[in-house]
Amino acid sequence: MALHFELVTPARLVRSEDVHMVVVPGTEGEFGVLEGHAPFMSTVRDGTLRIYKTEGGAPEEIEVQGGFAEVGANGLTVLAEHVES
């Protein structure tokens, strides 16, 4: 099982891939999303998005600034105001 993850800014699609888990810096605290997560929406604070490609693997970290995160039937979409590349 894999979680479909997309990271988008107003300018471009940054990522679209299947991963094991993503930890998002929500404004109410960090939250992890795995495949099958209940539908959920949150605002995103400035912070580090951690992407785990495999269970138990080391995360890839991406700095994001603001935005929204939505978990739905199609997976997790993070709409970030800005992404540090």
N, C-alpha and C. Protein backbone atom coordinates (compact mmCIF):
# COMPACT_ATOMS: atom_id res chain seq x y z
N MET A 1 0.84 -1.18 0.00
CA MET A 1 0.00 0.00 0.00
C MET A 1 0.88 1.24 0.00
N ALA A 2 0.44 2.25 -0.72
CA ALA A 2 1.19 3.50 -0.79
C ALA A 2 0.23 4.68 -0.76
N LEU A 3 0.73 5.76 -0.25
CA LEU A 3 -0.02 7.02 -0.19
C LEU A 3 0.38 7.86 -1.39
N HIS A 4 -0.61 8.33 -2.15
CA HIS A 4 -0.28 9.24 -3.25
C HIS A 4 -0.14 10.64 -2.67
N PHE A 5 1.00 11.27 -2.94
CA PHE A 5 1.34 12.57 -2.37
C PHE A 5 1.64 13.58 -3.47
N GLU A 6 1.03 14.75 -3.35
CA GLU A 6 1.34 15.84 -4.28
C GLU A 6 1.68 17.09 -3.48
N LEU A 7 2.74 17.77 -3.89
CA LEU A 7 3.15 19.05 -3.32
C LEU A 7 3.07 20.07 -4.44
N VAL A 8 2.25 21.11 -4.22
CA VAL A 8 1.95 22.09 -5.26
C VAL A 8 2.17 23.50 -4.71
N THR A 9 2.69 24.40 -5.55
CA THR A 9 2.75 25.82 -5.23
C THR A 9 1.90 26.54 -6.26
N PRO A 10 1.64 27.84 -6.08
CA PRO A 10 0.89 28.57 -7.10
C PRO A 10 1.57 28.54 -8.47
N ALA A 11 2.90 28.35 -8.47
CA ALA A 11 3.64 28.39 -9.73
C ALA A 11 3.80 27.04 -10.42
N ARG A 12 3.82 25.94 -9.62
CA ARG A 12 4.13 24.66 -10.27
C ARG A 12 3.80 23.46 -9.39
N LEU A 13 3.79 22.30 -10.03
CA LEU A 13 3.69 21.02 -9.34
C LEU A 13 5.11 20.64 -8.94
N VAL A 14 5.37 20.55 -7.64
CA VAL A 14 6.71 20.25 -7.15
C VAL A 14 6.94 18.74 -7.08
N ARG A 15 5.96 17.99 -6.59
CA ARG A 15 6.06 16.54 -6.44
C ARG A 15 4.74 15.88 -6.73
N SER A 16 4.80 14.70 -7.29
CA SER A 16 3.64 13.83 -7.44
C SER A 16 4.19 12.41 -7.44
N GLU A 17 4.01 11.71 -6.32
CA GLU A 17 4.60 10.38 -6.19
C GLU A 17 3.88 9.56 -5.12
N ASP A 18 4.11 8.26 -5.14
CA ASP A 18 3.59 7.37 -4.12
C ASP A 18 4.66 7.20 -3.04
N VAL A 19 4.27 7.38 -1.78
CA VAL A 19 5.19 7.30 -0.66
C VAL A 19 4.57 6.47 0.46
N HIS A 20 5.35 6.21 1.51
CA HIS A 20 4.83 5.47 2.66
C HIS A 20 4.06 6.40 3.60
N MET A 21 4.68 7.55 3.96
CA MET A 21 4.07 8.46 4.92
C MET A 21 4.62 9.86 4.72
N VAL A 22 3.80 10.86 5.06
CA VAL A 22 4.23 12.26 5.06
C VAL A 22 3.84 12.87 6.39
N VAL A 23 4.77 13.63 7.00
CA VAL A 23 4.49 14.37 8.22
C VAL A 23 4.43 15.85 7.84
N VAL A 24 3.29 16.46 8.14
CA VAL A 24 3.00 17.83 7.73
C VAL A 24 3.03 18.76 8.94
N PRO A 25 3.66 19.95 8.81
CA PRO A 25 3.64 20.92 9.91
C PRO A 25 2.33 21.73 9.91
N GLY A 26 1.31 21.19 10.54
CA GLY A 26 0.02 21.88 10.61
C GLY A 26 0.05 23.01 11.62
N THR A 27 -0.84 23.95 11.48
CA THR A 27 -0.87 25.08 12.42
C THR A 27 -1.28 24.64 13.82
N GLU A 28 -1.98 23.53 13.95
CA GLU A 28 -2.37 23.00 15.26
C GLU A 28 -1.41 21.92 15.74
N GLY A 29 -0.31 21.72 15.01
CA GLY A 29 0.68 20.70 15.35
C GLY A 29 0.96 19.81 14.16
N GLU A 30 2.06 19.08 14.23
CA GLU A 30 2.41 18.18 13.14
C GLU A 30 1.45 17.00 13.10
N PHE A 31 1.21 16.48 11.89
CA PHE A 31 0.40 15.28 11.75
C PHE A 31 0.96 14.41 10.65
N GLY A 32 0.87 13.10 10.86
CA GLY A 32 1.35 12.13 9.88
C GLY A 32 0.19 11.57 9.08
N VAL A 33 0.44 11.32 7.81
CA VAL A 33 -0.59 10.77 6.93
C VAL A 33 -0.06 9.50 6.27
N LEU A 34 -0.82 8.42 6.45
CA LEU A 34 -0.54 7.13 5.80
C LEU A 34 -1.69 6.82 4.84
N GLU A 35 -1.50 5.84 4.00
CA GLU A 35 -2.56 5.37 3.11
C GLU A 35 -3.79 5.01 3.93
N GLY A 36 -4.96 5.40 3.48
CA GLY A 36 -6.20 5.06 4.16
C GLY A 36 -6.61 6.04 5.25
N HIS A 37 -5.86 7.14 5.40
CA HIS A 37 -6.19 8.15 6.42
C HIS A 37 -7.59 8.71 6.15
N ALA A 38 -8.31 9.03 7.21
CA ALA A 38 -9.64 9.63 7.08
C ALA A 38 -9.52 11.00 6.40
N PRO A 39 -10.55 11.42 5.68
CA PRO A 39 -10.52 12.75 5.05
C PRO A 39 -10.27 13.83 6.11
N PHE A 40 -9.45 14.80 5.73
CA PHE A 40 -8.96 15.77 6.70
C PHE A 40 -8.47 16.99 5.95
N MET A 41 -8.62 18.16 6.55
CA MET A 41 -8.08 19.38 5.95
C MET A 41 -7.45 20.21 7.06
N SER A 42 -6.32 20.86 6.77
CA SER A 42 -5.62 21.66 7.76
C SER A 42 -4.86 22.79 7.08
N THR A 43 -4.67 23.88 7.81
CA THR A 43 -3.74 24.90 7.34
C THR A 43 -2.33 24.44 7.69
N VAL A 44 -1.36 24.93 6.93
CA VAL A 44 0.03 24.53 7.10
C VAL A 44 0.83 25.75 7.56
N ARG A 45 1.64 25.56 8.59
CA ARG A 45 2.52 26.63 9.07
C ARG A 45 3.88 26.50 8.40
N ASP A 46 4.69 27.53 8.49
CA ASP A 46 6.06 27.45 7.99
C ASP A 46 6.77 26.35 8.77
N GLY A 47 7.45 25.48 8.05
CA GLY A 47 8.13 24.38 8.73
C GLY A 47 8.66 23.35 7.75
N THR A 48 8.93 22.19 8.29
CA THR A 48 9.55 21.11 7.51
C THR A 48 8.54 20.00 7.22
N LEU A 49 8.37 19.70 5.96
CA LEU A 49 7.57 18.58 5.49
C LEU A 49 8.50 17.39 5.43
N ARG A 50 8.15 16.27 6.08
CA ARG A 50 9.01 15.08 6.07
C ARG A 50 8.33 13.98 5.26
N ILE A 51 9.03 13.50 4.24
CA ILE A 51 8.49 12.49 3.32
C ILE A 51 9.25 11.19 3.52
N TYR A 52 8.52 10.15 3.94
CA TYR A 52 9.10 8.82 4.12
C TYR A 52 8.71 7.98 2.91
N LYS A 53 9.69 7.64 2.09
CA LYS A 53 9.39 6.86 0.89
C LYS A 53 9.12 5.40 1.22
N THR A 54 9.77 4.89 2.30
CA THR A 54 9.56 3.51 2.72
C THR A 54 9.39 3.46 4.23
N GLU A 55 8.75 2.42 4.71
CA GLU A 55 8.58 2.25 6.16
C GLU A 55 9.94 2.06 6.80
N GLY A 56 10.23 2.84 7.83
CA GLY A 56 11.50 2.74 8.53
C GLY A 56 12.65 3.45 7.86
N GLY A 57 12.42 4.04 6.68
CA GLY A 57 13.48 4.75 5.97
C GLY A 57 13.69 6.15 6.53
N ALA A 58 14.80 6.74 6.15
CA ALA A 58 15.09 8.12 6.56
C ALA A 58 14.22 9.08 5.75
N PRO A 59 13.70 10.13 6.39
CA PRO A 59 12.83 11.04 5.65
C PRO A 59 13.60 12.03 4.79
N GLU A 60 12.97 12.43 3.71
CA GLU A 60 13.45 13.56 2.92
C GLU A 60 12.73 14.78 3.49
N GLU A 61 13.46 15.87 3.69
CA GLU A 61 12.85 17.06 4.29
C GLU A 61 12.78 18.19 3.28
N ILE A 62 11.62 18.85 3.25
CA ILE A 62 11.39 19.98 2.36
C ILE A 62 10.80 21.11 3.20
N GLU A 63 11.39 22.29 3.11
CA GLU A 63 10.89 23.45 3.84
C GLU A 63 9.72 24.06 3.07
N VAL A 64 8.61 24.28 3.77
CA VAL A 64 7.44 24.89 3.15
C VAL A 64 7.04 26.13 3.96
N GLN A 65 6.36 27.05 3.28
CA GLN A 65 5.87 28.25 3.94
C GLN A 65 4.38 28.37 3.67
N GLY A 66 3.59 28.22 4.73
CA GLY A 66 2.15 28.41 4.66
C GLY A 66 1.43 27.52 3.67
N GLY A 67 0.10 27.62 3.68
CA GLY A 67 -0.70 26.88 2.72
C GLY A 67 -1.76 26.02 3.39
N PHE A 68 -2.16 24.98 2.67
CA PHE A 68 -3.20 24.07 3.11
C PHE A 68 -2.80 22.65 2.80
N ALA A 69 -3.33 21.70 3.57
CA ALA A 69 -3.15 20.28 3.30
C ALA A 69 -4.52 19.63 3.27
N GLU A 70 -4.73 18.75 2.31
CA GLU A 70 -6.00 18.04 2.21
C GLU A 70 -5.74 16.56 2.01
N VAL A 71 -6.37 15.75 2.86
CA VAL A 71 -6.33 14.30 2.71
C VAL A 71 -7.69 13.88 2.20
N GLY A 72 -7.71 13.16 1.11
CA GLY A 72 -8.96 12.70 0.53
C GLY A 72 -8.79 11.31 -0.06
N ALA A 73 -9.76 10.91 -0.84
CA ALA A 73 -9.74 9.58 -1.46
C ALA A 73 -8.53 9.39 -2.38
N ASN A 74 -8.02 10.49 -2.95
CA ASN A 74 -6.89 10.41 -3.87
C ASN A 74 -5.54 10.55 -3.18
N GLY A 75 -5.51 10.67 -1.85
CA GLY A 75 -4.25 10.79 -1.12
C GLY A 75 -4.11 12.14 -0.45
N LEU A 76 -2.86 12.61 -0.34
CA LEU A 76 -2.54 13.87 0.34
C LEU A 76 -2.07 14.89 -0.67
N THR A 77 -2.67 16.08 -0.62
CA THR A 77 -2.21 17.20 -1.43
C THR A 77 -1.85 18.34 -0.48
N VAL A 78 -0.62 18.85 -0.62
CA VAL A 78 -0.19 20.02 0.13
C VAL A 78 -0.07 21.17 -0.86
N LEU A 79 -0.85 22.23 -0.61
CA LEU A 79 -0.81 23.43 -1.44
C LEU A 79 -0.03 24.47 -0.64
N ALA A 80 1.26 24.59 -0.94
CA ALA A 80 2.14 25.47 -0.18
C ALA A 80 2.28 26.83 -0.87
N GLU A 81 2.35 27.89 -0.06
CA GLU A 81 2.57 29.21 -0.63
C GLU A 81 3.96 29.31 -1.26
N HIS A 82 4.94 28.67 -0.61
CA HIS A 82 6.33 28.68 -1.13
C HIS A 82 7.04 27.42 -0.67
N VAL A 83 7.91 26.89 -1.51
CA VAL A 83 8.71 25.71 -1.20
C VAL A 83 10.18 26.06 -1.42
N GLU A 84 11.02 25.77 -0.42
CA GLU A 84 12.46 25.98 -0.57
C GLU A 84 13.02 24.81 -1.37
N SER A 85 13.63 25.11 -2.52
CA SER A 85 14.16 24.03 -3.34
C SER A 85 15.63 23.82 -3.13
